[in-house]
């Protein structure tokens, strides 16, 4: 496998975590704008991405393969719970 192919493969593996993190973060930004809450949005995005990557890697290690629905369900629960925690500021 070439270097560029392995990079694209890794990005494809991490795309669900990155995509969901950005969507949740945008929702937090919208809520924050309405409530005038001051916090650290870049740090929150970083935590959302980190939790998502850890869940995807744990699912890969546990199931031995990528793209299992249980892993994606755990991803939604983990990142959603963290975003719910961040909602207050």
C-alpha atoms as a PDB file:
ATOM      1  CA  UNK A   1       0.000   0.000   0.000  1.00  0.00           C
ATOM      2  CA  UNK A   2       1.391   3.376  -0.939  1.00  0.00           C
ATOM      3  CA  UNK A   3       1.745   6.232   1.529  1.00  0.00           C
ATOM      4  CA  UNK A   4      -1.095   8.227  -0.022  1.00  0.00           C
ATOM      5  CA  UNK A   5      -3.379   5.181  -0.031  1.00  0.00           C
ATOM      6  CA  UNK A   6      -2.679   4.538   3.635  1.00  0.00           C
ATOM      7  CA  UNK A   7      -3.405   8.199   4.468  1.00  0.00           C
ATOM      8  CA  UNK A   8      -6.747   8.017   2.628  1.00  0.00           C
ATOM      9  CA  UNK A   9      -7.529   4.740   4.389  1.00  0.00           C
ATOM     10  CA  UNK A  10      -6.813   6.321   7.794  1.00  0.00           C
ATOM     11  CA  UNK A  11      -8.938   9.360   6.943  1.00  0.00           C
ATOM     12  CA  UNK A  12     -11.771   7.063   5.884  1.00  0.00           C
ATOM     13  CA  UNK A  13     -11.507   5.260   9.203  1.00  0.00           C
ATOM     14  CA  UNK A  14     -11.628   8.504  11.193  1.00  0.00           C
ATOM     15  CA  UNK A  15     -14.218  10.327   9.057  1.00  0.00           C
ATOM     16  CA  UNK A  16     -17.251   9.342  11.197  1.00  0.00           C
ATOM     17  CA  UNK A  17     -15.580  10.649  14.362  1.00  0.00           C
ATOM     18  CA  UNK A  18     -14.517  13.874  12.692  1.00  0.00           C
ATOM     19  CA  UNK A  19     -17.857  14.449  10.989  1.00  0.00           C
ATOM     20  CA  UNK A  20     -19.958  13.850  14.088  1.00  0.00           C
ATOM     21  CA  UNK A  21     -17.617  15.977  16.205  1.00  0.00           C
ATOM     22  CA  UNK A  22     -17.955  18.914  13.821  1.00  0.00           C
ATOM     23  CA  UNK A  23     -21.756  18.605  13.668  1.00  0.00           C
ATOM     24  CA  UNK A  24     -22.067  18.487  17.453  1.00  0.00           C
ATOM     25  CA  UNK A  25     -19.609  21.359  17.823  1.00  0.00           C
ATOM     26  CA  UNK A  26     -21.606  23.500  15.380  1.00  0.00           C
ATOM     27  CA  UNK A  27     -24.720  22.792  17.430  1.00  0.00           C
ATOM     28  CA  UNK A  28     -22.865  23.884  20.544  1.00  0.00           C
ATOM     29  CA  UNK A  29     -21.755  27.078  18.790  1.00  0.00           C
ATOM     30  CA  UNK A  30     -25.339  27.858  17.803  1.00  0.00           C
ATOM     31  CA  UNK A  31     -26.541  27.315  21.356  1.00  0.00           C
ATOM     32  CA  UNK A  32     -23.637  29.340  22.722  1.00  0.00           C
ATOM     33  CA  UNK A  33     -24.490  32.274  20.478  1.00  0.00           C
ATOM     34  CA  UNK A  34     -28.057  32.300  21.812  1.00  0.00           C
ATOM     35  CA  UNK A  35     -27.001  32.128  25.468  1.00  0.00           C
ATOM     36  CA  UNK A  36     -23.905  34.379  25.323  1.00  0.00           C
ATOM     37  CA  UNK A  37     -21.773  31.767  27.084  1.00  0.00           C
ATOM     38  CA  UNK A  38     -18.023  32.238  27.116  1.00  0.00           C
ATOM     39  CA  UNK A  39     -15.902  29.094  26.974  1.00  0.00           C
ATOM     40  CA  UNK A  40     -13.162  27.505  24.904  1.00  0.00           C
ATOM     41  CA  UNK A  41     -14.735  26.208  21.690  1.00  0.00           C
ATOM     42  CA  UNK A  42     -11.493  24.945  20.121  1.00  0.00           C
ATOM     43  CA  UNK A  43     -10.773  22.833  23.183  1.00  0.00           C
ATOM     44  CA  UNK A  44     -14.281  21.395  23.080  1.00  0.00           C
ATOM     45  CA  UNK A  45     -13.878  20.425  19.426  1.00  0.00           C
ATOM     46  CA  UNK A  46     -10.569  18.783  20.267  1.00  0.00           C
ATOM     47  CA  UNK A  47     -12.145  16.743  23.057  1.00  0.00           C
ATOM     48  CA  UNK A  48     -15.024  15.673  20.816  1.00  0.00           C
ATOM     49  CA  UNK A  49     -12.605  14.498  18.127  1.00  0.00           C
ATOM     50  CA  UNK A  50     -10.370  12.747  20.649  1.00  0.00           C
ATOM     51  CA  UNK A  51     -13.268  10.840  22.228  1.00  0.00           C
ATOM     52  CA  UNK A  52     -14.512   9.837  18.779  1.00  0.00           C
ATOM     53  CA  UNK A  53     -11.117   8.537  17.679  1.00  0.00           C
ATOM     54  CA  UNK A  54     -10.693   6.574  20.917  1.00  0.00           C
ATOM     55  CA  UNK A  55     -14.118   4.954  20.479  1.00  0.00           C
ATOM     56  CA  UNK A  56     -13.384   4.021  16.862  1.00  0.00           C
ATOM     57  CA  UNK A  57      -9.987   2.545  17.782  1.00  0.00           C
ATOM     58  CA  UNK A  58     -11.548   0.601  20.679  1.00  0.00           C
ATOM     59  CA  UNK A  59     -14.198  -0.768  18.318  1.00  0.00           C
ATOM     60  CA  UNK A  60     -11.511  -1.765  15.828  1.00  0.00           C
ATOM     61  CA  UNK A  61      -9.529  -3.520  18.546  1.00  0.00           C
ATOM     62  CA  UNK A  62     -12.572  -5.251  20.065  1.00  0.00           C
ATOM     63  CA  UNK A  63     -14.250  -6.430  16.851  1.00  0.00           C
ATOM     64  CA  UNK A  64     -11.114  -6.849  14.769  1.00  0.00           C
ATOM     65  CA  UNK A  65     -12.579  -4.874  11.879  1.00  0.00           C
ATOM     66  CA  UNK A  66     -13.917  -1.463  11.014  1.00  0.00           C
ATOM     67  CA  UNK A  67     -17.477  -0.290  10.302  1.00  0.00           C
ATOM     68  CA  UNK A  68     -19.481  -2.266  12.834  1.00  0.00           C
ATOM     69  CA  UNK A  69     -22.804  -0.670  13.762  1.00  0.00           C
ATOM     70  CA  UNK A  70     -22.126  -1.237  17.465  1.00  0.00           C
ATOM     71  CA  UNK A  71     -18.991   0.902  17.156  1.00  0.00           C
ATOM     72  CA  UNK A  72     -20.946   3.670  15.457  1.00  0.00           C
ATOM     73  CA  UNK A  73     -23.633   3.489  18.136  1.00  0.00           C
ATOM     74  CA  UNK A  74     -20.965   3.789  20.823  1.00  0.00           C
ATOM     75  CA  UNK A  75     -19.495   6.731  18.915  1.00  0.00           C
ATOM     76  CA  UNK A  76     -22.817   8.565  18.923  1.00  0.00           C
ATOM     77  CA  UNK A  77     -23.399   7.847  22.610  1.00  0.00           C
ATOM     78  CA  UNK A  78     -19.887   8.896  23.672  1.00  0.00           C
ATOM     79  CA  UNK A  79     -19.697  12.087  21.623  1.00  0.00           C
ATOM     80  CA  UNK A  80     -23.316  12.976  22.309  1.00  0.00           C
ATOM     81  CA  UNK A  81     -22.791  12.597  26.044  1.00  0.00           C
ATOM     82  CA  UNK A  82     -19.708  14.804  25.921  1.00  0.00           C
ATOM     83  CA  UNK A  83     -21.516  17.455  23.880  1.00  0.00           C
ATOM     84  CA  UNK A  84     -24.385  17.320  26.380  1.00  0.00           C
ATOM     85  CA  UNK A  85     -21.835  17.913  29.139  1.00  0.00           C
ATOM     86  CA  UNK A  86     -20.366  20.868  27.228  1.00  0.00           C
ATOM     87  CA  UNK A  87     -23.749  22.460  26.573  1.00  0.00           C
ATOM     88  CA  UNK A  88     -23.713  24.512  29.747  1.00  0.00           C
ATOM     89  CA  UNK A  89     -20.442  26.224  28.969  1.00  0.00           C
END
